Amino acid sequence: MTFHPAMPYGTPDWHKSARKLADEGPPFEFTPENRRKLDEILTRYPADRRRSALLPALYLVQDQQGYVSGHAMTHVAEIIGCSRADVEDVVSYYVMFFTKPVGRHVLGVCRTLSCALNGAERLTEAIAGKLGIAPGETDPTGEFTLIEMECLGACDRAPVIMVNNEYWHECQGADDVDRLLETLRTRGVAGLTGCHHVKEK
């Protein structure tokens, strides 16, 4: 008896990767303003360390386009001086980068221990039920995308939702979902509770 799954060695497809490449999307080029921002960032690194600017470059892409498409990855790779595979490795590793269009508000529900113990799963189910979507999907109006995330670092205020990779809404439960969604529809991120992790200016 073994707990290990049977591996289909010897069959034609057993070694093929299940990894899906990003959608190419529309042609992409940085706006002049964003290109100036990236060029300034690149001056902070020696010529042989330009790859260190990859994360801020990808944030600029996402700010401009809303997600990181295949064409955008190619564009960034050409500017940074690395391969597209290097860029795609980074994009596919970090959950804060989206490879397809997302809603105006991306709701990232923390599912790690403190949040899980305080009902994060029920919170996710309630949001999914109200919007008629599953995690990873966008509602038909294009207003909300729901994702599940690992620790957001506010364990004392669990469960926590991160909105648009930046704003926190804390101490949430399934009964709070209607109010949260309506707040975001009418007031946007200005209606969120904030977090004790304050960005320094």
C-alpha atoms as a PDB file:
ATOM      1  CA  MET A   1       0.000   0.000   0.000  1.00  0.00           C
ATOM      2  CA  THR A   2       1.283   3.474  -0.866  1.00  0.00           C
ATOM      3  CA  PHE A   3       0.062   7.036  -0.538  1.00  0.00           C
ATOM      4  CA  HIS A   4       1.998   8.109  -3.624  1.00  0.00           C
ATOM      5  CA  PRO A   5      -0.039   8.615  -6.795  1.00  0.00           C
ATOM      6  CA  ALA A   6       0.658   6.291  -9.690  1.00  0.00           C
ATOM      7  CA  MET A   7       2.887   8.035 -12.239  1.00  0.00           C
ATOM      8  CA  PRO A   8       2.104   7.315 -15.892  1.00  0.00           C
ATOM      9  CA  TYR A   9       5.733   6.648 -16.871  1.00  0.00           C
ATOM     10  CA  GLY A  10       6.109   5.349 -20.398  1.00  0.00           C
ATOM     11  CA  THR A  11       2.925   6.910 -21.753  1.00  0.00           C
ATOM     12  CA  PRO A  12       3.382   9.486 -24.543  1.00  0.00           C
ATOM     13  CA  ASP A  13       2.229  12.517 -22.533  1.00  0.00           C
ATOM     14  CA  TRP A  14       3.500  11.846 -19.016  1.00  0.00           C
ATOM     15  CA  HIS A  15       6.361  14.352 -19.187  1.00  0.00           C
ATOM     16  CA  LYS A  16       4.502  17.255 -20.813  1.00  0.00           C
ATOM     17  CA  SER A  17       4.179  20.467 -18.814  1.00  0.00           C
ATOM     18  CA  ALA A  18       0.678  21.632 -17.921  1.00  0.00           C
ATOM     19  CA  ARG A  19       1.882  25.230 -17.768  1.00  0.00           C
ATOM     20  CA  LYS A  20      -0.189  27.620 -19.852  1.00  0.00           C
ATOM     21  CA  LEU A  21       1.512  30.561 -21.513  1.00  0.00           C
ATOM     22  CA  ALA A  22       0.019  34.007 -21.048  1.00  0.00           C
ATOM     23  CA  ASP A  23      -2.447  35.346 -23.577  1.00  0.00           C
ATOM     24  CA  GLU A  24      -0.590  37.591 -26.024  1.00  0.00           C
ATOM     25  CA  GLY A  25      -3.203  40.324 -25.745  1.00  0.00           C
ATOM     26  CA  PRO A  26      -3.147  43.534 -27.788  1.00  0.00           C
ATOM     27  CA  PRO A  27       0.124  45.138 -28.914  1.00  0.00           C
ATOM     28  CA  PHE A  28       1.813  46.831 -25.959  1.00  0.00           C
ATOM     29  CA  GLU A  29       4.232  49.689 -25.550  1.00  0.00           C
ATOM     30  CA  PHE A  30       4.800  51.899 -22.524  1.00  0.00           C
ATOM     31  CA  THR A  31       3.311  55.367 -22.696  1.00  0.00           C
ATOM     32  CA  PRO A  32       6.003  58.061 -22.876  1.00  0.00           C
ATOM     33  CA  GLU A  33       5.377  58.907 -19.212  1.00  0.00           C
ATOM     34  CA  ASN A  34       5.708  55.303 -18.047  1.00  0.00           C
ATOM     35  CA  ARG A  35       8.775  54.774 -20.200  1.00  0.00           C
ATOM     36  CA  ARG A  36      10.376  57.824 -18.541  1.00  0.00           C
ATOM     37  CA  LYS A  37       9.515  56.345 -15.136  1.00  0.00           C
ATOM     38  CA  LEU A  38      11.085  53.017 -16.063  1.00  0.00           C
ATOM     39  CA  ASP A  39      14.193  54.670 -17.526  1.00  0.00           C
ATOM     40  CA  GLU A  40      14.642  56.558 -14.254  1.00  0.00           C
ATOM     41  CA  ILE A  41      14.260  53.330 -12.269  1.00  0.00           C
ATOM     42  CA  LEU A  42      16.856  51.634 -14.476  1.00  0.00           C
ATOM     43  CA  THR A  43      19.445  54.287 -13.574  1.00  0.00           C
ATOM     44  CA  ARG A  44      19.425  52.931 -10.019  1.00  0.00           C
ATOM     45  CA  TYR A  45      21.055  49.678 -11.103  1.00  0.00           C
ATOM     46  CA  PRO A  46      24.387  48.816 -12.742  1.00  0.00           C
ATOM     47  CA  ALA A  47      24.119  47.847 -16.411  1.00  0.00           C
ATOM     48  CA  ASP A  48      24.594  44.167 -15.597  1.00  0.00           C
ATOM     49  CA  ARG A  49      21.840  44.265 -12.939  1.00  0.00           C
ATOM     50  CA  ARG A  50      18.989  45.755 -14.976  1.00  0.00           C
ATOM     51  CA  ARG A  51      16.883  42.663 -14.236  1.00  0.00           C
ATOM     52  CA  SER A  52      16.520  44.037 -10.709  1.00  0.00           C
ATOM     53  CA  ALA A  53      14.032  46.519 -12.172  1.00  0.00           C
ATOM     54  CA  LEU A  54      11.704  43.756 -13.346  1.00  0.00           C
ATOM     55  CA  LEU A  55       9.136  44.065 -10.550  1.00  0.00           C
ATOM     56  CA  PRO A  56       8.657  47.845 -10.872  1.00  0.00           C
ATOM     57  CA  ALA A  57       8.527  47.463 -14.659  1.00  0.00           C
ATOM     58  CA  LEU A  58       5.703  44.942 -14.325  1.00  0.00           C
ATOM     59  CA  TYR A  59       3.827  47.197 -11.911  1.00  0.00           C
ATOM     60  CA  LEU A  60       4.025  49.959 -14.525  1.00  0.00           C
ATOM     61  CA  VAL A  61       2.610  47.556 -17.120  1.00  0.00           C
ATOM     62  CA  GLN A  62      -0.262  46.593 -14.861  1.00  0.00           C
ATOM     63  CA  ASP A  63      -0.998  50.214 -13.933  1.00  0.00           C
ATOM     64  CA  GLN A  64      -1.145  51.083 -17.622  1.00  0.00           C
ATOM     65  CA  GLN A  65      -3.003  48.073 -19.035  1.00  0.00           C
ATOM     66  CA  GLY A  66      -4.733  46.534 -16.030  1.00  0.00           C
ATOM     67  CA  TYR A  67      -2.942  43.203 -16.444  1.00  0.00           C
ATOM     68  CA  VAL A  68       0.313  41.789 -17.850  1.00  0.00           C
ATOM     69  CA  SER A  69      -0.171  40.330 -21.318  1.00  0.00           C
ATOM     70  CA  GLY A  70       2.264  38.278 -23.370  1.00  0.00           C
ATOM     71  CA  HIS A  71       3.074  41.253 -25.600  1.00  0.00           C
ATOM     72  CA  ALA A  72       3.786  43.346 -22.510  1.00  0.00           C
ATOM     73  CA  MET A  73       6.157  40.670 -21.190  1.00  0.00           C
ATOM     74  CA  THR A  74       8.036  40.695 -24.487  1.00  0.00           C
ATOM     75  CA  HIS A  75       8.247  44.500 -24.401  1.00  0.00           C
ATOM     76  CA  VAL A  76       9.585  44.495 -20.838  1.00  0.00           C
ATOM     77  CA  ALA A  77      12.112  41.764 -21.656  1.00  0.00           C
ATOM     78  CA  GLU A  78      13.478  43.805 -24.554  1.00  0.00           C
ATOM     79  CA  ILE A  79      13.904  46.905 -22.393  1.00  0.00           C
ATOM     80  CA  ILE A  80      15.339  45.114 -19.363  1.00  0.00           C
ATOM     81  CA  GLY A  81      17.615  42.894 -21.423  1.00  0.00           C
ATOM     82  CA  CYS A  82      16.414  39.456 -20.382  1.00  0.00           C
ATOM     83  CA  SER A  83      14.377  36.690 -21.966  1.00  0.00           C
ATOM     84  CA  ARG A  84      10.602  36.671 -22.062  1.00  0.00           C
ATOM     85  CA  ALA A  85      10.766  33.410 -20.113  1.00  0.00           C
ATOM     86  CA  ASP A  86      12.507  35.283 -17.289  1.00  0.00           C
ATOM     87  CA  VAL A  87       9.669  37.813 -17.221  1.00  0.00           C
ATOM     88  CA  GLU A  88       6.985  35.137 -17.383  1.00  0.00           C
ATOM     89  CA  ASP A  89       8.625  33.255 -14.508  1.00  0.00           C
ATOM     90  CA  VAL A  90       8.244  36.327 -12.307  1.00  0.00           C
ATOM     91  CA  VAL A  91       4.679  37.078 -13.429  1.00  0.00           C
ATOM     92  CA  SER A  92       3.555  33.494 -12.850  1.00  0.00           C
ATOM     93  CA  TYR A  93       5.185  33.363  -9.396  1.00  0.00           C
ATOM     94  CA  TYR A  94       3.608  36.428  -7.813  1.00  0.00           C
ATOM     95  CA  VAL A  95      -0.150  36.559  -7.238  1.00  0.00           C
ATOM     96  CA  MET A  96      -0.262  40.341  -7.515  1.00  0.00           C
ATOM     97  CA  PHE A  97       0.276  40.196 -11.263  1.00  0.00           C
ATOM     98  CA  PHE A  98      -2.730  39.351 -13.429  1.00  0.00           C
ATOM     99  CA  THR A  99      -2.357  37.708 -16.839  1.00  0.00           C
ATOM    100  CA  LYS A 100      -5.882  38.468 -18.009  1.00  0.00           C
ATOM    101  CA  PRO A 101      -8.210  41.448 -17.600  1.00  0.00           C
ATOM    102  CA  VAL A 102      -9.652  41.847 -14.104  1.00  0.00           C
ATOM    103  CA  GLY A 103     -12.479  43.829 -12.557  1.00  0.00           C
ATOM    104  CA  ARG A 104     -12.277  47.395 -11.286  1.00  0.00           C
ATOM    105  CA  HIS A 105     -12.001  45.976  -7.769  1.00  0.00           C
ATOM    106  CA  VAL A 106      -9.902  42.863  -7.186  1.00  0.00           C
ATOM    107  CA  LEU A 107     -10.893  41.242  -3.894  1.00  0.00           C
ATOM    108  CA  GLY A 108      -8.091  39.114  -2.463  1.00  0.00           C
ATOM    109  CA  VAL A 109      -9.360  37.090   0.502  1.00  0.00           C
ATOM    110  CA  CYS A 110      -6.600  35.856   2.809  1.00  0.00           C
ATOM    111  CA  ARG A 111      -6.931  32.131   3.479  1.00  0.00           C
ATOM    112  CA  THR A 112      -3.917  31.523   5.736  1.00  0.00           C
ATOM    113  CA  LEU A 113      -4.217  30.233   9.307  1.00  0.00           C
ATOM    114  CA  SER A 114      -5.554  33.212  11.288  1.00  0.00           C
ATOM    115  CA  CYS A 115      -8.035  34.171   8.594  1.00  0.00           C
ATOM    116  CA  ALA A 116      -8.980  30.535   7.970  1.00  0.00           C
ATOM    117  CA  LEU A 117      -9.723  29.994  11.662  1.00  0.00           C
ATOM    118  CA  ASN A 118     -11.900  33.112  11.688  1.00  0.00           C
ATOM    119  CA  GLY A 119     -14.052  32.154   8.713  1.00  0.00           C
ATOM    120  CA  ALA A 120     -12.209  33.159   5.538  1.00  0.00           C
ATOM    121  CA  GLU A 121     -13.679  30.203   3.637  1.00  0.00           C
ATOM    122  CA  ARG A 122     -17.231  31.288   4.500  1.00  0.00           C
ATOM    123  CA  LEU A 123     -16.310  34.849   3.512  1.00  0.00           C
ATOM    124  CA  THR A 124     -15.056  33.687   0.114  1.00  0.00           C
ATOM    125  CA  GLU A 125     -18.190  31.575  -0.392  1.00  0.00           C
ATOM    126  CA  ALA A 126     -20.419  34.532   0.504  1.00  0.00           C
ATOM    127  CA  ILE A 127     -18.660  36.878  -1.941  1.00  0.00           C
ATOM    128  CA  ALA A 128     -18.719  34.228  -4.670  1.00  0.00           C
ATOM    129  CA  GLY A 129     -22.417  33.616  -4.050  1.00  0.00           C
ATOM    130  CA  LYS A 130     -23.345  37.301  -4.167  1.00  0.00           C
ATOM    131  CA  LEU A 131     -21.378  37.885  -7.371  1.00  0.00           C
ATOM    132  CA  GLY A 132     -22.241  34.565  -9.039  1.00  0.00           C
ATOM    133  CA  ILE A 133     -18.590  33.699  -9.663  1.00  0.00           C
ATOM    134  CA  ALA A 134     -15.878  31.358  -8.406  1.00  0.00           C
ATOM    135  CA  PRO A 135     -12.442  32.420  -7.125  1.00  0.00           C
ATOM    136  CA  GLY A 136     -10.327  33.494 -10.080  1.00  0.00           C
ATOM    137  CA  GLU A 137     -13.312  34.855 -12.008  1.00  0.00           C
ATOM    138  CA  THR A 138     -14.719  38.316 -12.742  1.00  0.00           C
ATOM    139  CA  ASP A 139     -18.405  39.132 -12.350  1.00  0.00           C
ATOM    140  CA  PRO A 140     -20.449  39.910 -15.502  1.00  0.00           C
ATOM    141  CA  THR A 141     -20.449  43.655 -14.789  1.00  0.00           C
ATOM    142  CA  GLY A 142     -16.646  43.813 -14.783  1.00  0.00           C
ATOM    143  CA  GLU A 143     -16.760  45.420 -11.348  1.00  0.00           C
ATOM    144  CA  PHE A 144     -15.268  42.642  -9.183  1.00  0.00           C
ATOM    145  CA  THR A 145     -12.670  39.892  -9.478  1.00  0.00           C
ATOM    146  CA  LEU A 146     -12.385  37.412  -6.610  1.00  0.00           C
ATOM    147  CA  ILE A 147      -9.110  35.682  -5.733  1.00  0.00           C
ATOM    148  CA  GLU A 148      -7.748  33.799  -2.732  1.00  0.00           C
ATOM    149  CA  MET A 149      -4.398  34.843  -1.277  1.00  0.00           C
ATOM    150  CA  GLU A 150      -1.857  33.727   1.273  1.00  0.00           C
ATOM    151  CA  CYS A 151      -0.971  35.717   4.410  1.00  0.00           C
ATOM    152  CA  LEU A 152      -1.587  39.458   4.143  1.00  0.00           C
ATOM    153  CA  GLY A 153       0.158  40.227   7.429  1.00  0.00           C
ATOM    154  CA  ALA A 154      -2.809  41.496   9.440  1.00  0.00           C
ATOM    155  CA  CYS A 155      -3.488  38.340  11.439  1.00  0.00           C
ATOM    156  CA  ASP A 156      -4.817  40.242  14.452  1.00  0.00           C
ATOM    157  CA  ARG A 157      -7.633  41.627  12.294  1.00  0.00           C
ATOM    158  CA  ALA A 158      -8.669  38.445  10.485  1.00  0.00           C
ATOM    159  CA  PRO A 159     -10.342  37.747   8.156  1.00  0.00           C
ATOM    160  CA  VAL A 160      -8.771  40.324   5.877  1.00  0.00           C
ATOM    161  CA  ILE A 161      -9.508  41.278   2.277  1.00  0.00           C
ATOM    162  CA  MET A 162      -6.971  43.123   0.156  1.00  0.00           C
ATOM    163  CA  VAL A 163      -8.495  45.294  -2.571  1.00  0.00           C
ATOM    164  CA  ASN A 164      -6.517  46.141  -5.713  1.00  0.00           C
ATOM    165  CA  ASN A 165      -3.201  44.922  -4.266  1.00  0.00           C
ATOM    166  CA  GLU A 166      -3.059  47.897  -1.944  1.00  0.00           C
ATOM    167  CA  TYR A 167      -6.019  48.538   0.366  1.00  0.00           C
ATOM    168  CA  TRP A 168      -7.109  46.450   3.360  1.00  0.00           C
ATOM    169  CA  HIS A 169     -10.581  45.748   4.731  1.00  0.00           C
ATOM    170  CA  GLU A 170     -10.463  43.953   8.043  1.00  0.00           C
ATOM    171  CA  CYS A 171     -12.461  41.877  10.513  1.00  0.00           C
ATOM    172  CA  GLN A 172     -14.824  40.729   7.787  1.00  0.00           C
ATOM    173  CA  GLY A 173     -17.424  37.998   7.926  1.00  0.00           C
ATOM    174  CA  ALA A 174     -20.001  36.500   5.622  1.00  0.00           C
ATOM    175  CA  ASP A 175     -22.632  38.874   7.053  1.00  0.00           C
ATOM    176  CA  ASP A 176     -20.550  41.888   5.998  1.00  0.00           C
ATOM    177  CA  VAL A 177     -20.379  41.037   2.293  1.00  0.00           C
ATOM    178  CA  ASP A 178     -23.423  43.033   1.123  1.00  0.00           C
ATOM    179  CA  ARG A 179     -22.136  46.174   2.823  1.00  0.00           C
ATOM    180  CA  LEU A 180     -18.599  45.678   1.483  1.00  0.00           C
ATOM    181  CA  LEU A 181     -19.717  45.237  -2.124  1.00  0.00           C
ATOM    182  CA  GLU A 182     -22.085  48.206  -1.962  1.00  0.00           C
ATOM    183  CA  THR A 183     -19.385  50.369  -0.383  1.00  0.00           C
ATOM    184  CA  LEU A 184     -16.977  49.558  -3.188  1.00  0.00           C
ATOM    185  CA  ARG A 185     -19.621  50.196  -5.837  1.00  0.00           C
ATOM    186  CA  THR A 186     -20.577  53.591  -4.430  1.00  0.00           C
ATOM    187  CA  ARG A 187     -17.486  54.911  -2.646  1.00  0.00           C
ATOM    188  CA  GLY A 188     -14.634  52.826  -3.991  1.00  0.00           C
ATOM    189  CA  VAL A 189     -11.555  52.232  -1.846  1.00  0.00           C
ATOM    190  CA  ALA A 190     -12.307  55.359   0.205  1.00  0.00           C
ATOM    191  CA  GLY A 191     -14.851  53.288   2.131  1.00  0.00           C
ATOM    192  CA  LEU A 192     -12.382  50.638   3.307  1.00  0.00           C
ATOM    193  CA  THR A 193     -11.202  50.313   6.910  1.00  0.00           C
ATOM    194  CA  GLY A 194      -7.473  50.569   6.230  1.00  0.00           C
ATOM    195  CA  CYS A 195      -4.726  48.705   8.030  1.00  0.00           C
ATOM    196  CA  HIS A 196      -2.067  49.226  10.654  1.00  0.00           C
ATOM    197  CA  HIS A 197       0.585  48.668   7.984  1.00  0.00           C
ATOM    198  CA  VAL A 198       0.792  52.275   6.779  1.00  0.00           C
ATOM    199  CA  LYS A 199       2.927  53.107   3.772  1.00  0.00           C
ATOM    200  CA  GLU A 200       5.566  55.705   4.473  1.00  0.00           C
ATOM    201  CA  LYS A 201       5.623  58.554   1.967  1.00  0.00           C
END
